[in-house]
PDB file of all heavy atoms in Angstrom:
ATOM      1  N   ALA A   1     -11.060  14.610  -4.825  1.00  0.00           N
ATOM      2  CA  ALA A   1     -11.319  13.792  -3.644  1.00  0.00           C
ATOM      3  C   ALA A   1     -10.299  12.641  -3.499  1.00  0.00           C
ATOM      4  O   ALA A   1      -9.855  12.104  -4.507  1.00  0.00           O
ATOM      5  CB  ALA A   1     -12.732  13.249  -3.671  1.00  0.00           C
ATOM      6  N   PRO A   2      -9.979  12.282  -2.265  1.00  0.00           N
ATOM      7  CA  PRO A   2      -9.138  11.085  -2.138  1.00  0.00           C
ATOM      8  C   PRO A   2      -9.965   9.852  -2.440  1.00  0.00           C
ATOM      9  O   PRO A   2     -11.208   9.891  -2.490  1.00  0.00           O
ATOM     10  CB  PRO A   2      -8.768  11.133  -0.648  1.00  0.00           C
ATOM     11  CG  PRO A   2      -9.849  11.950   0.012  1.00  0.00           C
ATOM     12  CD  PRO A   2     -10.307  12.928  -1.008  1.00  0.00           C
ATOM     13  N   THR A   3      -9.307   8.742  -2.599  1.00  0.00           N
ATOM     14  CA  THR A   3     -10.000   7.499  -2.892  1.00  0.00           C
ATOM     15  C   THR A   3      -9.667   6.473  -1.792  1.00  0.00           C
ATOM     16  O   THR A   3      -8.618   6.596  -1.122  1.00  0.00           O
ATOM     17  CB  THR A   3      -9.563   6.915  -4.247  1.00  0.00           C
ATOM     18  OG1 THR A   3      -8.123   6.786  -4.249  1.00  0.00           O
ATOM     19  CG2 THR A   3      -9.919   7.909  -5.375  1.00  0.00           C
ATOM     20  N   PRO A   4     -10.530   5.513  -1.569  1.00  0.00           N
ATOM     21  CA  PRO A   4     -10.270   4.497  -0.558  1.00  0.00           C
ATOM     22  C   PRO A   4      -8.890   3.882  -0.748  1.00  0.00           C
ATOM     23  O   PRO A   4      -8.496   3.532  -1.860  1.00  0.00           O
ATOM     24  CB  PRO A   4     -11.381   3.483  -0.779  1.00  0.00           C
ATOM     25  CG  PRO A   4     -12.522   4.324  -1.305  1.00  0.00           C
ATOM     26  CD  PRO A   4     -11.888   5.337  -2.197  1.00  0.00           C
ATOM     27  N   GLY A   5      -8.192   3.758   0.364  1.00  0.00           N
ATOM     28  CA  GLY A   5      -6.815   3.199   0.323  1.00  0.00           C
ATOM     29  C   GLY A   5      -5.729   4.288   0.320  1.00  0.00           C
ATOM     30  O   GLY A   5      -4.564   3.965   0.571  1.00  0.00           O
ATOM     31  N   ASP A   6      -6.103   5.545  -0.013  1.00  0.00           N
ATOM     32  CA  ASP A   6      -5.106   6.602   0.009  1.00  0.00           C
ATOM     33  C   ASP A   6      -4.554   6.787   1.436  1.00  0.00           C
ATOM     34  O   ASP A   6      -5.299   6.713   2.412  1.00  0.00           O
ATOM     35  CB  ASP A   6      -5.703   7.934  -0.459  1.00  0.00           C
ATOM     36  CG  ASP A   6      -5.878   8.003  -1.963  1.00  0.00           C
ATOM     37  OD1 ASP A   6      -5.426   7.059  -2.665  1.00  0.00           O
ATOM     38  OD2 ASP A   6      -6.424   9.014  -2.451  1.00  0.00           O
ATOM     39  N   GLU A   7      -3.293   7.069   1.513  1.00  0.00           N
ATOM     40  CA  GLU A   7      -2.660   7.394   2.799  1.00  0.00           C
ATOM     41  C   GLU A   7      -2.620   8.887   3.007  1.00  0.00           C
ATOM     42  O   GLU A   7      -2.243   9.656   2.091  1.00  0.00           O
ATOM     43  CB  GLU A   7      -1.278   6.796   2.892  1.00  0.00           C
ATOM     44  CG  GLU A   7      -0.640   7.043   4.285  1.00  0.00           C
ATOM     45  CD  GLU A   7       0.732   6.324   4.429  1.00  0.00           C
ATOM     46  OE1 GLU A   7       0.838   5.196   3.955  1.00  0.00           O
ATOM     47  OE2 GLU A   7       1.631   6.940   5.038  1.00  0.00           O
ATOM     48  N   LEU A   8      -3.004   9.307   4.203  1.00  0.00           N
ATOM     49  CA  LEU A   8      -3.041  10.737   4.547  1.00  0.00           C
ATOM     50  C   LEU A   8      -2.256  10.960   5.801  1.00  0.00           C
ATOM     51  O   LEU A   8      -2.103  10.065   6.641  1.00  0.00           O
ATOM     52  CB  LEU A   8      -4.490  11.179   4.763  1.00  0.00           C
ATOM     53  CG  LEU A   8      -5.493  10.899   3.660  1.00  0.00           C
ATOM     54  CD1 LEU A   8      -6.923  11.288   4.117  1.00  0.00           C
ATOM     55  CD2 LEU A   8      -5.143  11.633   2.394  1.00  0.00           C
ATOM     56  N   LYS A   9      -1.731  12.171   5.965  1.00  0.00           N
ATOM     57  CA  LYS A   9      -1.097  12.608   7.188  1.00  0.00           C
ATOM     58  C   LYS A   9      -1.987  13.586   7.891  1.00  0.00           C
ATOM     59  O   LYS A   9      -2.522  14.503   7.285  1.00  0.00           O
ATOM     60  CB  LYS A   9       0.266  13.235   6.913  1.00  0.00           C
ATOM     61  CG  LYS A   9       1.415  12.259   6.646  1.00  0.00           C
ATOM     62  CD  LYS A   9       1.937  11.761   7.994  1.00  0.00           C
ATOM     63  CE  LYS A   9       3.257  10.975   7.775  1.00  0.00           C
ATOM     64  NZ  LYS A   9       3.797  10.470   9.067  1.00  0.00           N
ATOM     65  N   VAL A  10      -2.108  13.407   9.222  1.00  0.00           N
ATOM     66  CA  VAL A  10      -2.839  14.376  10.018  1.00  0.00           C
ATOM     67  C   VAL A  10      -1.894  15.015  10.999  1.00  0.00           C
ATOM     68  O   VAL A  10      -0.917  14.416  11.431  1.00  0.00           O
ATOM     69  CB  VAL A  10      -4.054  13.727  10.743  1.00  0.00           C
ATOM     70  CG1 VAL A  10      -5.051  13.186   9.769  1.00  0.00           C
ATOM     71  CG2 VAL A  10      -3.541  12.608  11.659  1.00  0.00           C
ATOM     72  N   ALA A  11      -2.156  16.264  11.370  1.00  0.00           N
ATOM     73  CA  ALA A  11      -1.298  16.977  12.292  1.00  0.00           C
ATOM     74  C   ALA A  11      -2.134  17.719  13.294  1.00  0.00           C
ATOM     75  O   ALA A  11      -3.265  18.178  13.001  1.00  0.00           O
ATOM     76  CB  ALA A  11      -0.392  17.929  11.542  1.00  0.00           C
ATOM     77  N   GLY A  12      -1.639  17.907  14.513  1.00  0.00           N
ATOM     78  CA  GLY A  12      -2.348  18.670  15.509  1.00  0.00           C
ATOM     79  C   GLY A  12      -1.581  18.775  16.808  1.00  0.00           C
ATOM     80  O   GLY A  12      -0.553  18.114  17.016  1.00  0.00           O
ATOM     81  N   PHE A  13      -2.085  19.620  17.697  1.00  0.00           N
ATOM     82  CA  PHE A  13      -1.485  19.853  18.994  1.00  0.00           C
ATOM     83  C   PHE A  13      -2.232  19.156  20.141  1.00  0.00           C
ATOM     84  O   PHE A  13      -2.127  19.534  21.310  1.00  0.00           O
ATOM     85  CB  PHE A  13      -1.441  21.354  19.280  1.00  0.00           C
ATOM     86  CG  PHE A  13      -0.457  22.101  18.440  1.00  0.00           C
ATOM     87  CD1 PHE A  13      -0.810  22.745  17.267  1.00  0.00           C
ATOM     88  CD2 PHE A  13       0.888  22.208  18.854  1.00  0.00           C
ATOM     89  CE1 PHE A  13       0.131  23.444  16.516  1.00  0.00           C
ATOM     90  CE2 PHE A  13       1.820  22.866  18.099  1.00  0.00           C
ATOM     91  CZ  PHE A  13       1.443  23.493  16.926  1.00  0.00           C
ATOM     92  N   GLY A  14      -3.029  18.146  19.786  1.00  0.00           N
ATOM     93  CA  GLY A  14      -3.858  17.478  20.801  1.00  0.00           C
ATOM     94  C   GLY A  14      -3.076  16.508  21.691  1.00  0.00           C
ATOM     95  O   GLY A  14      -1.862  16.367  21.590  1.00  0.00           O
ATOM     96  N   ARG A  15      -3.802  15.807  22.529  1.00  0.00           N
ATOM     97  CA  ARG A  15      -3.200  14.851  23.467  1.00  0.00           C
ATOM     98  C   ARG A  15      -2.462  13.765  22.728  1.00  0.00           C
ATOM     99  O   ARG A  15      -2.703  13.513  21.558  1.00  0.00           O
ATOM    100  CB  ARG A  15      -4.289  14.193  24.335  1.00  0.00           C
ATOM    101  CG  ARG A  15      -5.054  15.122  25.204  1.00  0.00           C
ATOM    102  CD  ARG A  15      -6.096  14.308  25.979  1.00  0.00           C
ATOM    103  NE  ARG A  15      -7.151  15.151  26.469  1.00  0.00           N
ATOM    104  CZ  ARG A  15      -8.222  14.697  27.144  1.00  0.00           C
ATOM    105  NH1 ARG A  15      -8.369  13.402  27.294  1.00  0.00           N
ATOM    106  NH2 ARG A  15      -9.148  15.528  27.559  1.00  0.00           N
ATOM    107  N   THR A  16      -1.615  13.077  23.441  1.00  0.00           N
ATOM    108  CA  THR A  16      -0.971  11.873  22.929  1.00  0.00           C
ATOM    109  C   THR A  16      -1.307  10.757  23.922  1.00  0.00           C
ATOM    110  O   THR A  16      -2.112  10.876  24.829  1.00  0.00           O
ATOM    111  CB  THR A  16       0.540  12.046  22.806  1.00  0.00           C
ATOM    112  OG1 THR A  16       1.108  12.149  24.118  1.00  0.00           O
ATOM    113  CG2 THR A  16       0.871  13.256  21.957  1.00  0.00           C
ATOM    114  N   LYS A  17      -0.619   9.652  23.795  1.00  0.00           N
ATOM    115  CA  LYS A  17      -0.827   8.535  24.688  1.00  0.00           C
ATOM    116  C   LYS A  17      -0.272   8.848  26.090  1.00  0.00           C
ATOM    117  O   LYS A  17      -0.818   8.342  27.084  1.00  0.00           O
ATOM    118  CB  LYS A  17      -0.165   7.280  24.129  1.00  0.00           C
ATOM    119  CG  LYS A  17      -0.329   6.000  24.930  1.00  0.00           C
ATOM    120  CD  LYS A  17       0.297   4.850  24.230  1.00  0.00           C
ATOM    121  CE  LYS A  17       0.019   3.553  24.996  1.00  0.00           C
ATOM    122  NZ  LYS A  17       0.628   2.374  24.282  1.00  0.00           N
ATOM    123  N   ILE A  18       0.715   9.753  26.114  1.00  0.00           N
ATOM    124  CA  ILE A  18       1.400   9.955  27.400  1.00  0.00           C
ATOM    125  C   ILE A  18       1.344  11.418  27.855  1.00  0.00           C
ATOM    126  O   ILE A  18       1.738  11.724  28.972  1.00  0.00           O
ATOM    127  CB  ILE A  18       2.846   9.512  27.319  1.00  0.00           C
ATOM    128  CG1 ILE A  18       3.598  10.247  26.177  1.00  0.00           C
ATOM    129  CG2 ILE A  18       2.945   8.021  27.157  1.00  0.00           C
ATOM    130  CD1 ILE A  18       5.060   9.954  26.101  1.00  0.00           C
ATOM    131  N   GLU A  19       0.871  12.328  26.982  1.00  0.00           N
ATOM    132  CA  GLU A  19       0.841  13.740  27.343  1.00  0.00           C
ATOM    133  C   GLU A  19      -0.595  14.306  27.227  1.00  0.00           C
ATOM    134  O   GLU A  19      -1.241  14.076  26.192  1.00  0.00           O
ATOM    135  CB  GLU A  19       1.786  14.558  26.458  1.00  0.00           C
ATOM    136  CG  GLU A  19       3.242  14.284  26.633  1.00  0.00           C
ATOM    137  CD  GLU A  19       4.101  15.176  25.716  1.00  0.00           C
ATOM    138  OE1 GLU A  19       4.116  14.861  24.523  1.00  0.00           O
ATOM    139  OE2 GLU A  19       4.683  16.141  26.208  1.00  0.00           O
ATOM    140  N   TRP A  20      -0.983  15.075  28.248  1.00  0.00           N
ATOM    141  CA  TRP A  20      -2.306  15.677  28.221  1.00  0.00           C
ATOM    142  C   TRP A  20      -2.304  16.942  27.352  1.00  0.00           C
ATOM    143  O   TRP A  20      -3.246  17.181  26.617  1.00  0.00           O
ATOM    144  CB  TRP A  20      -2.749  15.999  29.645  1.00  0.00           C
ATOM    145  CG  TRP A  20      -4.201  16.355  29.741  1.00  0.00           C
ATOM    146  CD1 TRP A  20      -4.770  17.586  29.571  1.00  0.00           C
ATOM    147  CD2 TRP A  20      -5.258  15.466  30.078  1.00  0.00           C
ATOM    148  NE1 TRP A  20      -6.105  17.497  29.766  1.00  0.00           N
ATOM    149  CE2 TRP A  20      -6.440  16.210  30.099  1.00  0.00           C
ATOM    150  CE3 TRP A  20      -5.324  14.103  30.410  1.00  0.00           C
ATOM    151  CZ2 TRP A  20      -7.690  15.671  30.405  1.00  0.00           C
ATOM    152  CZ3 TRP A  20      -6.576  13.570  30.705  1.00  0.00           C
ATOM    153  CH2 TRP A  20      -7.737  14.341  30.698  1.00  0.00           C
ATOM    154  N   ALA A  21      -1.301  17.739  27.496  1.00  0.00           N
ATOM    155  CA  ALA A  21      -1.209  18.978  26.741  1.00  0.00           C
ATOM    156  C   ALA A  21       0.199  19.153  26.181  1.00  0.00           C
ATOM    157  O   ALA A  21       1.040  19.902  26.736  1.00  0.00           O
ATOM    158  CB  ALA A  21      -1.553  20.191  27.631  1.00  0.00           C
ATOM    159  N   PRO A  22       0.532  18.409  25.124  1.00  0.00           N
ATOM    160  CA  PRO A  22       1.901  18.455  24.604  1.00  0.00           C
ATOM    161  C   PRO A  22       2.237  19.815  24.011  1.00  0.00           C
ATOM    162  O   PRO A  22       1.385  20.529  23.532  1.00  0.00           O
ATOM    163  CB  PRO A  22       1.887  17.376  23.511  1.00  0.00           C
ATOM    164  CG  PRO A  22       0.437  17.289  23.110  1.00  0.00           C
ATOM    165  CD  PRO A  22      -0.345  17.546  24.341  1.00  0.00           C
ATOM    166  N   ASN A  23       3.512  20.151  24.092  1.00  0.00           N
ATOM    167  CA  ASN A  23       3.980  21.415  23.531  1.00  0.00           C
ATOM    168  C   ASN A  23       4.412  21.312  22.068  1.00  0.00           C
ATOM    169  O   ASN A  23       4.656  22.313  21.413  1.00  0.00           O
ATOM    170  CB  ASN A  23       5.171  21.932  24.342  1.00  0.00           C
ATOM    171  CG  ASN A  23       4.743  22.525  25.664  1.00  0.00           C
ATOM    172  OD1 ASN A  23       3.745  23.251  25.732  1.00  0.00           O
ATOM    173  ND2 ASN A  23       5.475  22.194  26.739  1.00  0.00           N
ATOM    174  N   LYS A  24       4.544  20.065  21.595  1.00  0.00           N
ATOM    175  CA  LYS A  24       5.037  19.875  20.232  1.00  0.00           C
ATOM    176  C   LYS A  24       3.922  19.324  19.326  1.00  0.00           C
ATOM    177  O   LYS A  24       3.095  18.519  19.726  1.00  0.00           O
ATOM    178  CB  LYS A  24       6.222  18.910  20.223  1.00  0.00           C
ATOM    179  CG  LYS A  24       7.462  19.511  20.888  1.00  0.00           C
ATOM    180  CD  LYS A  24       8.672  18.592  20.763  1.00  0.00           C
ATOM    181  CE  LYS A  24       9.903  19.203  21.371  1.00  0.00           C
ATOM    182  NZ  LYS A  24      11.124  18.373  21.244  1.00  0.00           N
ATOM    183  N   LEU A  25       3.956  19.817  18.100  1.00  0.00           N
ATOM    184  CA  LEU A  25       3.044  19.322  17.077  1.00  0.00           C
ATOM    185  C   LEU A  25       3.343  17.868  16.737  1.00  0.00           C
ATOM    186  O   LEU A  25       4.520  17.505  16.588  1.00  0.00           O
ATOM    187  CB  LEU A  25       3.155  20.225  15.841  1.00  0.00           C
ATOM    188  CG  LEU A  25       2.298  19.841  14.616  1.00  0.00           C
ATOM    189  CD1 LEU A  25       0.844  20.127  14.929  1.00  0.00           C
ATOM    190  CD2 LEU A  25       2.745  20.646  13.397  1.00  0.00           C
ATOM    191  N   HIS A  26       2.329  17.063  16.635  1.00  0.00           N
ATOM    192  CA  HIS A  26       2.478  15.661  16.298  1.00  0.00           C
ATOM    193  C   HIS A  26       1.754  15.335  14.992  1.00  0.00           C
ATOM    194  O   HIS A  26       0.786  16.045  14.627  1.00  0.00           O
ATOM    195  CB  HIS A  26       1.958  14.741  17.431  1.00  0.00           C
ATOM    196  CG  HIS A  26       2.874  14.697  18.596  1.00  0.00           C
ATOM    197  ND1 HIS A  26       3.084  15.764  19.460  1.00  0.00           N
ATOM    198  CD2 HIS A  26       3.637  13.676  19.085  1.00  0.00           C
ATOM    199  CE1 HIS A  26       3.924  15.413  20.376  1.00  0.00           C
ATOM    200  NE2 HIS A  26       4.295  14.155  20.203  1.00  0.00           N
ATOM    201  N   THR A  27       2.164  14.267  14.372  1.00  0.00           N
ATOM    202  CA  THR A  27       1.487  13.802  13.158  1.00  0.00           C
ATOM    203  C   THR A  27       1.160  12.313  13.294  1.00  0.00           C
ATOM    204  O   THR A  27       1.756  11.614  14.141  1.00  0.00           O
ATOM    205  CB  THR A  27       2.368  13.996  11.909  1.00  0.00           C
ATOM    206  OG1 THR A  27       3.522  13.201  12.008  1.00  0.00           O
ATOM    207  CG2 THR A  27       2.711  15.468  11.692  1.00  0.00           C
TER     208      THR A  27
END
């Protein structure tokens, strides 16, 4: 299990601040 304070990266094809349906994977 991770511990409090660990840094993690998340990835997905969801919205961004400026795009509703982006074509590029973001992290």
